[in-house]
Amino acid sequence: MLFKGEENEIKQMIDNHPEWQKMHNLILRECDVLLKGPDLERKMQGVSMLKVSREMWKHAFYLSYAYRMTGDKRYARKVERDMLTVCRFSNWNPEHCLDGAEMTRGVAFGYDWFYDELSESSRCPGSRPNPPAACRNGLHLQHRHTENTNFALTSQRARPTVDSRSIRSGNR
């Protein structure tokens, strides 16, 4: 999405185009609001926690932009804190695939873009999300459809003890 060094091209656009500068400043202001905001919480809205999952994605995406453009490590620390917070959730609502998918996207994005800035303890396997938190959707026996194969394969790779019974497809 944004390779190392491409920030310079964006900075030139910001310097040369008032509309880019305006958008850049709006994003940075929003990021400063996120820095002061509370930690993410596992809150259900009805049967979904999609709002929390999308907040994780927003934090990772906006704050990564701010960090890459400014070098301000406060943005990296906030994403790290958010990632560790959501990885301690009991689960990412496996009953709703989109909840887990959106949370996985946010954590994966943060892990990828901030890897070099993460503390050693945040990089270690014990700090990563419990594979079932992200992949349990594919392991639900009541969902024996082929579209769940990818979840099961992902889970098997992350957790080798998952056996082929989780990968079987077919209709009920």
N, C-alpha and C. Protein backbone atom coordinates (compact mmCIF):
# COMPACT_ATOMS: atom_id res chain seq x y z
N MET A 1 0.81 -1.19 0.00
CA MET A 1 0.00 0.00 0.00
C MET A 1 0.85 1.25 0.00
N LEU A 2 1.85 1.28 0.86
CA LEU A 2 2.73 2.44 0.92
C LEU A 2 4.13 1.92 1.23
N PHE A 3 4.94 1.79 0.19
CA PHE A 3 6.28 1.26 0.36
C PHE A 3 7.18 2.30 1.02
N LYS A 4 8.22 1.79 1.65
CA LYS A 4 9.18 2.67 2.33
C LYS A 4 9.70 3.71 1.35
N GLY A 5 9.66 4.96 1.77
CA GLY A 5 10.14 6.05 0.94
C GLY A 5 9.05 6.76 0.16
N GLU A 6 7.91 6.11 -0.03
CA GLU A 6 6.83 6.74 -0.78
C GLU A 6 6.17 7.89 -0.01
N GLU A 7 6.47 7.97 1.28
CA GLU A 7 5.97 9.09 2.06
C GLU A 7 6.43 10.41 1.47
N ASN A 8 7.63 10.41 0.90
CA ASN A 8 8.19 11.64 0.33
C ASN A 8 7.34 12.17 -0.82
N GLU A 9 6.80 11.27 -1.62
CA GLU A 9 5.93 11.69 -2.72
C GLU A 9 4.65 12.34 -2.17
N ILE A 10 4.11 11.75 -1.12
CA ILE A 10 2.90 12.31 -0.51
C ILE A 10 3.21 13.66 0.11
N LYS A 11 4.35 13.76 0.78
CA LYS A 11 4.73 15.03 1.39
C LYS A 11 4.88 16.13 0.33
N GLN A 12 5.40 15.79 -0.83
CA GLN A 12 5.50 16.77 -1.91
C GLN A 12 4.11 17.22 -2.36
N MET A 13 3.19 16.27 -2.46
CA MET A 13 1.82 16.61 -2.85
C MET A 13 1.19 17.53 -1.81
N ILE A 14 1.45 17.24 -0.54
CA ILE A 14 0.92 18.08 0.54
C ILE A 14 1.49 19.49 0.45
N ASP A 15 2.78 19.57 0.19
CA ASP A 15 3.44 20.89 0.08
C ASP A 15 2.95 21.69 -1.13
N ASN A 16 2.57 21.00 -2.19
CA ASN A 16 2.24 21.68 -3.45
C ASN A 16 0.76 21.84 -3.74
N HIS A 17 -0.08 21.21 -2.94
CA HIS A 17 -1.52 21.26 -3.22
C HIS A 17 -2.30 21.52 -1.93
N PRO A 18 -2.96 22.66 -1.85
CA PRO A 18 -3.69 23.02 -0.63
C PRO A 18 -4.74 21.98 -0.23
N GLU A 19 -5.38 21.34 -1.21
CA GLU A 19 -6.40 20.35 -0.86
C GLU A 19 -5.77 19.11 -0.21
N TRP A 20 -4.58 18.74 -0.63
CA TRP A 20 -3.87 17.63 0.02
C TRP A 20 -3.46 18.03 1.44
N GLN A 21 -3.00 19.27 1.58
CA GLN A 21 -2.60 19.74 2.90
C GLN A 21 -3.79 19.76 3.85
N LYS A 22 -4.93 20.18 3.34
CA LYS A 22 -6.13 20.22 4.17
C LYS A 22 -6.51 18.81 4.63
N MET A 23 -6.49 17.84 3.72
CA MET A 23 -6.83 16.46 4.08
C MET A 23 -5.81 15.90 5.07
N HIS A 24 -4.55 16.16 4.82
CA HIS A 24 -3.48 15.70 5.71
C HIS A 24 -3.70 16.24 7.12
N ASN A 25 -3.98 17.53 7.23
CA ASN A 25 -4.20 18.14 8.54
C ASN A 25 -5.44 17.58 9.23
N LEU A 26 -6.49 17.32 8.46
CA LEU A 26 -7.70 16.71 9.04
C LEU A 26 -7.39 15.33 9.61
N ILE A 27 -6.63 14.54 8.88
CA ILE A 27 -6.27 13.20 9.35
C ILE A 27 -5.43 13.30 10.61
N LEU A 28 -4.45 14.19 10.63
CA LEU A 28 -3.61 14.34 11.82
C LEU A 28 -4.42 14.80 13.03
N ARG A 29 -5.37 15.69 12.82
CA ARG A 29 -6.23 16.13 13.94
C ARG A 29 -7.05 14.95 14.47
N GLU A 30 -7.60 14.15 13.57
CA GLU A 30 -8.36 12.97 13.99
C GLU A 30 -7.45 12.00 14.75
N CYS A 31 -6.23 11.85 14.30
CA CYS A 31 -5.29 10.97 14.99
C CYS A 31 -4.97 11.48 16.39
N ASP A 32 -4.86 12.77 16.54
CA ASP A 32 -4.62 13.34 17.87
C ASP A 32 -5.80 13.09 18.80
N VAL A 33 -7.01 13.10 18.25
CA VAL A 33 -8.20 12.75 19.03
C VAL A 33 -8.12 11.27 19.44
N LEU A 34 -7.73 10.41 18.51
CA LEU A 34 -7.61 8.98 18.82
C LEU A 34 -6.58 8.73 19.91
N LEU A 35 -5.49 9.49 19.91
CA LEU A 35 -4.46 9.33 20.94
C LEU A 35 -5.02 9.57 22.33
N LYS A 36 -5.92 10.52 22.45
CA LYS A 36 -6.49 10.89 23.75
C LYS A 36 -7.69 10.04 24.13
N GLY A 37 -8.19 9.27 23.19
CA GLY A 37 -9.39 8.49 23.43
C GLY A 37 -9.14 7.27 24.31
N PRO A 38 -10.22 6.68 24.79
CA PRO A 38 -10.09 5.50 25.65
C PRO A 38 -9.63 4.28 24.87
N ASP A 39 -9.16 3.29 25.61
CA ASP A 39 -8.80 2.02 24.98
C ASP A 39 -10.05 1.37 24.42
N LEU A 40 -9.87 0.55 23.42
CA LEU A 40 -10.99 -0.19 22.84
C LEU A 40 -11.52 -1.19 23.86
N GLU A 41 -12.81 -1.40 23.84
CA GLU A 41 -13.46 -2.36 24.74
C GLU A 41 -14.28 -3.34 23.93
N ARG A 42 -14.40 -4.54 24.42
CA ARG A 42 -15.21 -5.56 23.76
C ARG A 42 -16.68 -5.29 24.11
N LYS A 43 -17.32 -4.50 23.29
CA LYS A 43 -18.72 -4.14 23.52
C LYS A 43 -19.57 -4.71 22.39
N MET A 44 -20.59 -5.43 22.78
CA MET A 44 -21.53 -5.97 21.80
C MET A 44 -22.64 -4.95 21.59
N GLN A 45 -23.06 -4.82 20.35
CA GLN A 45 -24.25 -4.04 20.01
C GLN A 45 -25.23 -5.05 19.44
N GLY A 46 -26.13 -5.46 20.28
CA GLY A 46 -27.01 -6.56 19.88
C GLY A 46 -26.18 -7.83 19.81
N VAL A 47 -26.12 -8.43 18.63
CA VAL A 47 -25.35 -9.66 18.46
C VAL A 47 -24.03 -9.41 17.73
N SER A 48 -23.63 -8.16 17.60
CA SER A 48 -22.44 -7.83 16.82
C SER A 48 -21.48 -6.95 17.61
N MET A 49 -20.21 -7.07 17.28
CA MET A 49 -19.19 -6.16 17.80
C MET A 49 -18.46 -5.49 16.64
N LEU A 50 -19.17 -5.34 15.53
CA LEU A 50 -18.58 -4.79 14.32
C LEU A 50 -18.05 -3.37 14.54
N LYS A 51 -18.73 -2.59 15.36
CA LYS A 51 -18.28 -1.22 15.61
C LYS A 51 -16.87 -1.22 16.21
N VAL A 52 -16.63 -2.11 17.15
CA VAL A 52 -15.31 -2.20 17.79
C VAL A 52 -14.27 -2.68 16.77
N SER A 53 -14.64 -3.67 15.97
CA SER A 53 -13.72 -4.19 14.96
C SER A 53 -13.34 -3.10 13.96
N ARG A 54 -14.30 -2.32 13.57
CA ARG A 54 -14.02 -1.25 12.61
C ARG A 54 -13.23 -0.11 13.25
N GLU A 55 -13.42 0.10 14.54
CA GLU A 55 -12.59 1.09 15.24
C GLU A 55 -11.14 0.63 15.26
N MET A 56 -10.90 -0.66 15.47
CA MET A 56 -9.53 -1.17 15.44
C MET A 56 -8.91 -0.90 14.08
N TRP A 57 -9.67 -1.18 13.02
CA TRP A 57 -9.17 -0.92 11.67
C TRP A 57 -8.88 0.57 11.47
N LYS A 58 -9.81 1.41 11.90
CA LYS A 58 -9.63 2.86 11.74
C LYS A 58 -8.38 3.32 12.47
N HIS A 59 -8.21 2.86 13.71
CA HIS A 59 -7.04 3.25 14.48
C HIS A 59 -5.76 2.83 13.75
N ALA A 60 -5.72 1.58 13.32
CA ALA A 60 -4.51 1.08 12.66
C ALA A 60 -4.22 1.86 11.38
N PHE A 61 -5.25 2.13 10.60
CA PHE A 61 -5.06 2.79 9.30
C PHE A 61 -4.68 4.26 9.47
N TYR A 62 -5.47 5.00 10.23
CA TYR A 62 -5.20 6.43 10.41
C TYR A 62 -3.88 6.67 11.13
N LEU A 63 -3.68 5.94 12.23
CA LEU A 63 -2.48 6.18 13.03
C LEU A 63 -1.22 5.75 12.30
N SER A 64 -1.33 4.74 11.45
CA SER A 64 -0.16 4.34 10.67
C SER A 64 0.21 5.43 9.67
N TYR A 65 -0.80 6.03 9.07
CA TYR A 65 -0.54 7.16 8.16
C TYR A 65 0.17 8.28 8.93
N ALA A 66 -0.37 8.63 10.08
CA ALA A 66 0.21 9.72 10.87
C ALA A 66 1.65 9.40 11.26
N TYR A 67 1.89 8.17 11.66
CA TYR A 67 3.24 7.79 12.04
C TYR A 67 4.19 7.85 10.84
N ARG A 68 3.76 7.30 9.73
CA ARG A 68 4.62 7.26 8.55
C ARG A 68 4.91 8.67 8.03
N MET A 69 3.99 9.57 8.20
CA MET A 69 4.18 10.94 7.69
C MET A 69 4.95 11.83 8.66
N THR A 70 4.85 11.57 9.95
CA THR A 70 5.47 12.45 10.94
C THR A 70 6.63 11.82 11.70
N GLY A 71 6.64 10.49 11.80
CA GLY A 71 7.65 9.82 12.61
C GLY A 71 7.36 9.88 14.10
N ASP A 72 6.23 10.43 14.49
CA ASP A 72 5.85 10.57 15.90
C ASP A 72 5.47 9.21 16.46
N LYS A 73 6.29 8.72 17.38
CA LYS A 73 6.10 7.37 17.93
C LYS A 73 4.86 7.24 18.80
N ARG A 74 4.24 8.33 19.18
CA ARG A 74 2.99 8.22 19.96
C ARG A 74 1.93 7.47 19.16
N TYR A 75 1.93 7.68 17.86
CA TYR A 75 0.95 7.00 17.01
C TYR A 75 1.20 5.49 17.00
N ALA A 76 2.46 5.11 16.92
CA ALA A 76 2.81 3.68 16.93
C ALA A 76 2.45 3.05 18.28
N ARG A 77 2.72 3.75 19.37
CA ARG A 77 2.41 3.21 20.71
C ARG A 77 0.91 2.99 20.88
N LYS A 78 0.11 3.90 20.36
CA LYS A 78 -1.35 3.77 20.48
C LYS A 78 -1.84 2.54 19.72
N VAL A 79 -1.34 2.33 18.51
CA VAL A 79 -1.76 1.14 17.75
C VAL A 79 -1.31 -0.12 18.48
N GLU A 80 -0.10 -0.12 19.01
CA GLU A 80 0.38 -1.28 19.74
C GLU A 80 -0.53 -1.57 20.94
N ARG A 81 -0.88 -0.54 21.68
CA ARG A 81 -1.77 -0.71 22.83
C ARG A 81 -3.13 -1.26 22.39
N ASP A 82 -3.67 -0.71 21.30
CA ASP A 82 -4.96 -1.20 20.79
C ASP A 82 -4.86 -2.66 20.37
N MET A 83 -3.79 -3.01 19.68
CA MET A 83 -3.63 -4.39 19.24
C MET A 83 -3.57 -5.34 20.43
N LEU A 84 -2.79 -4.99 21.43
CA LEU A 84 -2.68 -5.85 22.61
C LEU A 84 -4.02 -5.94 23.34
N THR A 85 -4.74 -4.83 23.38
CA THR A 85 -6.06 -4.83 24.03
C THR A 85 -7.01 -5.79 23.34
N VAL A 86 -7.16 -5.68 22.03
CA VAL A 86 -8.13 -6.54 21.34
C VAL A 86 -7.67 -7.99 21.31
N CYS A 87 -6.36 -8.21 21.37
CA CYS A 87 -5.87 -9.59 21.40
C CYS A 87 -6.12 -10.25 22.74
N ARG A 88 -6.44 -9.47 23.75
CA ARG A 88 -6.80 -10.04 25.05
C ARG A 88 -8.30 -10.28 25.18
N PHE A 89 -9.09 -9.83 24.20
CA PHE A 89 -10.53 -10.11 24.24
C PHE A 89 -10.74 -11.62 24.29
N SER A 90 -11.81 -12.04 24.93
CA SER A 90 -12.10 -13.48 25.01
C SER A 90 -12.28 -14.09 23.63
N ASN A 91 -12.85 -13.36 22.71
CA ASN A 91 -12.95 -13.77 21.30
C ASN A 91 -13.37 -12.55 20.50
N TRP A 92 -13.46 -12.75 19.19
CA TRP A 92 -13.85 -11.66 18.30
C TRP A 92 -15.21 -11.96 17.69
N ASN A 93 -16.07 -12.52 18.51
CA ASN A 93 -17.45 -12.81 18.14
C ASN A 93 -17.54 -13.78 16.96
N PRO A 94 -17.16 -15.03 17.20
CA PRO A 94 -17.13 -16.01 16.11
C PRO A 94 -18.49 -16.28 15.47
N GLU A 95 -19.57 -15.89 16.12
CA GLU A 95 -20.89 -16.11 15.53
C GLU A 95 -21.11 -15.22 14.31
N HIS A 96 -20.33 -14.14 14.22
CA HIS A 96 -20.47 -13.22 13.09
C HIS A 96 -19.12 -13.06 12.40
N CYS A 97 -19.02 -13.69 11.25
CA CYS A 97 -17.77 -13.73 10.50
C CYS A 97 -17.18 -12.34 10.27
N LEU A 98 -18.01 -11.37 9.95
CA LEU A 98 -17.50 -10.04 9.63
C LEU A 98 -16.83 -9.38 10.83
N ASP A 99 -17.33 -9.63 12.03
CA ASP A 99 -16.71 -9.07 13.23
C ASP A 99 -15.24 -9.51 13.32
N GLY A 100 -15.03 -10.82 13.21
CA GLY A 100 -13.68 -11.36 13.29
C GLY A 100 -12.81 -10.95 12.11
N ALA A 101 -13.41 -10.90 10.93
CA ALA A 101 -12.65 -10.52 9.74
C ALA A 101 -12.15 -9.09 9.84
N GLU A 102 -13.02 -8.18 10.27
CA GLU A 102 -12.62 -6.77 10.39
C GLU A 102 -11.56 -6.59 11.48
N MET A 103 -11.71 -7.32 12.59
CA MET A 103 -10.73 -7.23 13.66
C MET A 103 -9.39 -7.77 13.18
N THR A 104 -9.44 -8.89 12.48
CA THR A 104 -8.22 -9.48 11.95
C THR A 104 -7.53 -8.51 11.00
N ARG A 105 -8.29 -7.85 10.17
CA ARG A 105 -7.73 -6.88 9.23
C ARG A 105 -7.00 -5.76 9.98
N GLY A 106 -7.63 -5.22 11.02
CA GLY A 106 -7.01 -4.14 11.78
C GLY A 106 -5.73 -4.57 12.47
N VAL A 107 -5.78 -5.73 13.12
CA VAL A 107 -4.60 -6.22 13.84
C VAL A 107 -3.49 -6.58 12.85
N ALA A 108 -3.84 -7.23 11.76
CA ALA A 108 -2.83 -7.61 10.76
C ALA A 108 -2.18 -6.37 10.15
N PHE A 109 -2.97 -5.37 9.86
CA PHE A 109 -2.44 -4.13 9.30
C PHE A 109 -1.47 -3.48 10.29
N GLY A 110 -1.90 -3.37 11.54
CA GLY A 110 -1.04 -2.77 12.55
C GLY A 110 0.24 -3.57 12.75
N TYR A 111 0.11 -4.89 12.79
CA TYR A 111 1.27 -5.76 12.99
C TYR A 111 2.25 -5.59 11.83
N ASP A 112 1.72 -5.51 10.62
CA ASP A 112 2.58 -5.38 9.45
C ASP A 112 3.25 -4.00 9.40
N TRP A 113 2.48 -2.95 9.52
CA TRP A 113 3.03 -1.61 9.35
C TRP A 113 3.86 -1.13 10.53
N PHE A 114 3.60 -1.68 11.71
CA PHE A 114 4.31 -1.21 12.90
C PHE A 114 5.29 -2.25 13.44
N TYR A 115 5.52 -3.32 12.71
CA TYR A 115 6.34 -4.41 13.24
C TYR A 115 7.66 -3.89 13.83
N ASP A 116 8.36 -3.05 13.10
CA ASP A 116 9.66 -2.55 13.57
C ASP A 116 9.53 -1.67 14.81
N GLU A 117 8.36 -1.12 15.04
CA GLU A 117 8.14 -0.25 16.20
C GLU A 117 7.55 -1.00 17.40
N LEU A 118 7.09 -2.22 17.19
CA LEU A 118 6.50 -2.98 18.29
C LEU A 118 7.58 -3.40 19.27
N SER A 119 7.23 -3.41 20.55
CA SER A 119 8.16 -3.91 21.55
C SER A 119 8.37 -5.40 21.31
N GLU A 120 9.48 -5.90 21.78
CA GLU A 120 9.78 -7.33 21.60
C GLU A 120 8.67 -8.20 22.18
N SER A 121 8.13 -7.81 23.33
CA SER A 121 7.06 -8.62 23.94
C SER A 121 5.79 -8.61 23.09
N SER A 122 5.57 -7.54 22.33
CA SER A 122 4.38 -7.49 21.47
C SER A 122 4.55 -8.33 20.22
N ARG A 123 5.79 -8.60 19.85
CA ARG A 123 6.05 -9.42 18.67
C ARG A 123 6.02 -10.91 18.98
N CYS A 124 6.21 -11.27 20.24
CA CYS A 124 6.33 -12.69 20.57
C CYS A 124 4.99 -13.39 20.42
N PRO A 125 5.01 -14.69 20.16
CA PRO A 125 3.76 -15.42 19.92
C PRO A 125 2.74 -15.30 21.04
N GLY A 126 3.18 -15.17 22.28
CA GLY A 126 2.23 -15.07 23.38
C GLY A 126 1.40 -13.80 23.35
N SER A 127 1.87 -12.79 22.63
CA SER A 127 1.14 -11.53 22.55
C SER A 127 0.26 -11.44 21.33
N ARG A 128 0.42 -12.37 20.41
CA ARG A 128 -0.42 -12.35 19.21
C ARG A 128 -1.80 -12.85 19.56
N PRO A 129 -2.76 -12.56 18.70
CA PRO A 129 -4.11 -13.05 19.00
C PRO A 129 -4.12 -14.56 19.05
N ASN A 130 -4.88 -15.08 19.99
CA ASN A 130 -5.08 -16.51 20.07
C ASN A 130 -5.69 -16.94 18.74
N PRO A 131 -5.07 -17.86 18.00
CA PRO A 131 -5.62 -18.20 16.68
C PRO A 131 -7.12 -18.45 16.68
N PRO A 132 -7.68 -19.12 17.70
CA PRO A 132 -9.13 -19.29 17.64
C PRO A 132 -9.90 -17.97 17.69
N ALA A 133 -9.32 -16.94 18.29
CA ALA A 133 -10.03 -15.65 18.33
C ALA A 133 -10.27 -15.14 16.92
N ALA A 134 -9.33 -15.36 16.04
CA ALA A 134 -9.47 -14.88 14.68
C ALA A 134 -10.08 -15.92 13.74
N CYS A 135 -9.92 -17.18 14.04
CA CYS A 135 -10.25 -18.22 13.06
C CYS A 135 -11.38 -19.15 13.48
N ARG A 136 -11.91 -18.97 14.66
CA ARG A 136 -12.89 -19.93 15.17
C ARG A 136 -14.11 -20.06 14.26
N ASN A 137 -14.42 -19.03 13.48
CA ASN A 137 -15.58 -19.10 12.60
C ASN A 137 -15.51 -20.33 11.72
N GLY A 138 -14.37 -20.67 11.22
CA GLY A 138 -14.22 -21.80 10.33
C GLY A 138 -14.32 -23.14 11.03
N LEU A 139 -14.31 -23.12 12.35
CA LEU A 139 -14.34 -24.36 13.10
C LEU A 139 -15.72 -24.72 13.61
N HIS A 140 -16.69 -23.87 13.40
CA HIS A 140 -18.05 -24.17 13.85
C HIS A 140 -18.63 -25.31 13.04
N LEU A 141 -19.01 -26.35 13.69
CA LEU A 141 -19.51 -27.52 12.99
C LEU A 141 -20.82 -27.25 12.26
N GLN A 142 -21.61 -26.29 12.75
CA GLN A 142 -22.88 -26.02 12.08
C GLN A 142 -22.69 -25.29 10.75
N HIS A 143 -21.47 -24.85 10.45
CA HIS A 143 -21.20 -24.13 9.21
C HIS A 143 -20.34 -25.00 8.29
N ARG A 144 -20.85 -26.11 7.86
CA ARG A 144 -20.06 -27.02 7.01
C ARG A 144 -20.26 -26.68 5.54
N HIS A 145 -19.87 -25.51 5.18
CA HIS A 145 -19.96 -25.08 3.79
C HIS A 145 -18.55 -24.80 3.29
N THR A 146 -18.35 -24.87 2.00
CA THR A 146 -17.01 -24.73 1.45
C THR A 146 -16.38 -23.37 1.73
N GLU A 147 -17.18 -22.33 1.92
CA GLU A 147 -16.58 -21.03 2.16
C GLU A 147 -15.84 -20.96 3.49
N ASN A 148 -16.05 -21.91 4.36
CA ASN A 148 -15.35 -21.93 5.64
C ASN A 148 -14.01 -22.64 5.55
N THR A 149 -13.72 -23.23 4.41
CA THR A 149 -12.46 -23.94 4.25
C THR A 149 -11.27 -23.02 4.51
N ASN A 150 -11.35 -21.80 4.03
CA ASN A 150 -10.22 -20.89 4.22
C ASN A 150 -9.98 -20.59 5.70
N PHE A 151 -11.05 -20.44 6.47
CA PHE A 151 -10.87 -20.21 7.91
C PHE A 151 -10.19 -21.41 8.56
N ALA A 152 -10.63 -22.58 8.19
CA ALA A 152 -10.07 -23.79 8.78
C ALA A 152 -8.61 -23.97 8.37
N LEU A 153 -8.29 -23.72 7.12
CA LEU A 153 -6.91 -23.83 6.67
C LEU A 153 -6.02 -22.81 7.39
N THR A 154 -6.52 -21.61 7.55
CA THR A 154 -5.77 -20.59 8.27
C THR A 154 -5.54 -21.02 9.71
N SER A 155 -6.58 -21.54 10.32
CA SER A 155 -6.47 -22.00 11.70
C SER A 155 -5.49 -23.16 11.80
N GLN A 156 -5.55 -24.08 10.84
CA GLN A 156 -4.66 -25.23 10.89
C GLN A 156 -3.21 -24.78 10.78
N ARG A 157 -2.96 -23.80 9.94
CA ARG A 157 -1.59 -23.31 9.80
C ARG A 157 -1.13 -22.63 11.09
N ALA A 158 -2.02 -21.85 11.71
CA ALA A 158 -1.67 -21.14 12.94
C ALA A 158 -1.62 -22.09 14.13
N ARG A 159 -2.39 -23.15 14.05
CA ARG A 159 -2.49 -24.08 15.17
C ARG A 159 -2.50 -25.50 14.61
N PRO A 160 -1.33 -26.12 14.46
CA PRO A 160 -1.23 -27.41 13.79
C PRO A 160 -2.07 -28.53 14.40
N THR A 161 -2.52 -28.36 15.64
CA THR A 161 -3.31 -29.42 16.25
C THR A 161 -4.71 -29.53 15.66
N VAL A 162 -5.12 -28.53 14.87
CA VAL A 162 -6.42 -28.61 14.21
C VAL A 162 -6.31 -29.68 13.13
N ASP A 163 -7.23 -30.61 13.12
CA ASP A 163 -7.10 -31.70 12.15
C ASP A 163 -8.05 -31.53 10.96
N SER A 164 -7.99 -32.47 10.07
CA SER A 164 -8.72 -32.38 8.80
C SER A 164 -10.22 -32.37 8.98
N ARG A 165 -10.73 -32.80 10.13
CA ARG A 165 -12.18 -32.78 10.33
C ARG A 165 -12.72 -31.35 10.26
N SER A 166 -11.89 -30.38 10.58
CA SER A 166 -12.31 -28.98 10.52
C SER A 166 -12.36 -28.46 9.10
N ILE A 167 -11.70 -29.16 8.19
CA ILE A 167 -11.58 -28.68 6.82
C ILE A 167 -12.63 -29.31 5.91
N ARG A 168 -13.24 -30.40 6.34
CA ARG A 168 -14.25 -31.05 5.50
C ARG A 168 -15.32 -30.06 5.10
N SER A 169 -15.70 -30.11 3.86
CA SER A 169 -16.77 -29.24 3.39
C SER A 169 -18.00 -30.07 3.10
N GLY A 170 -19.05 -29.40 2.77
CA GLY A 170 -20.29 -30.09 2.45
C GLY A 170 -21.45 -29.43 3.14
N ASN A 171 -22.61 -29.73 2.70
CA ASN A 171 -23.82 -29.14 3.28
C ASN A 171 -24.34 -30.01 4.40
N ARG A 172 -25.12 -29.38 5.27
CA ARG A 172 -25.71 -30.11 6.39
C ARG A 172 -26.73 -31.09 5.91
